[in-house]
């Protein structure tokens, strides 16, 4: 058996606007999967597995998508200049300095500059 990749999905009431950000602001390579359904090549990725007890007690099993960057302040400035909504100011969460992006359709995504070792 060989797992060859991961395919993620973002659900939003404004898919064209989110696709435009991924294509035009983030600059991600893409293909048209048919009928305008763009499929984006993602940057290198890593995957963590967290418990649903302890610090995250009461959380049901779920998944999240977070974006990583090397320089959070510079990335925030560039994204704001390009019209992306950045909610609040960066906060140190221990594992990294984080901020929340809000993509069209009220789609929140965490953006962070890691402070932990990464595999990428």
Foldseek 3Di string as FASTA:
>chain_A
DDDDDDADDDDAPCVVQLVCCVCPVVVFDWDQPPPNNIGTDDDDDDDDDDDCDDPNDPDDDDDAAAAEDQDVVVSVVSCVVVPWAWPDDWDCPPQFTWTWTQTHRRGIHIYTHGPDDDPD
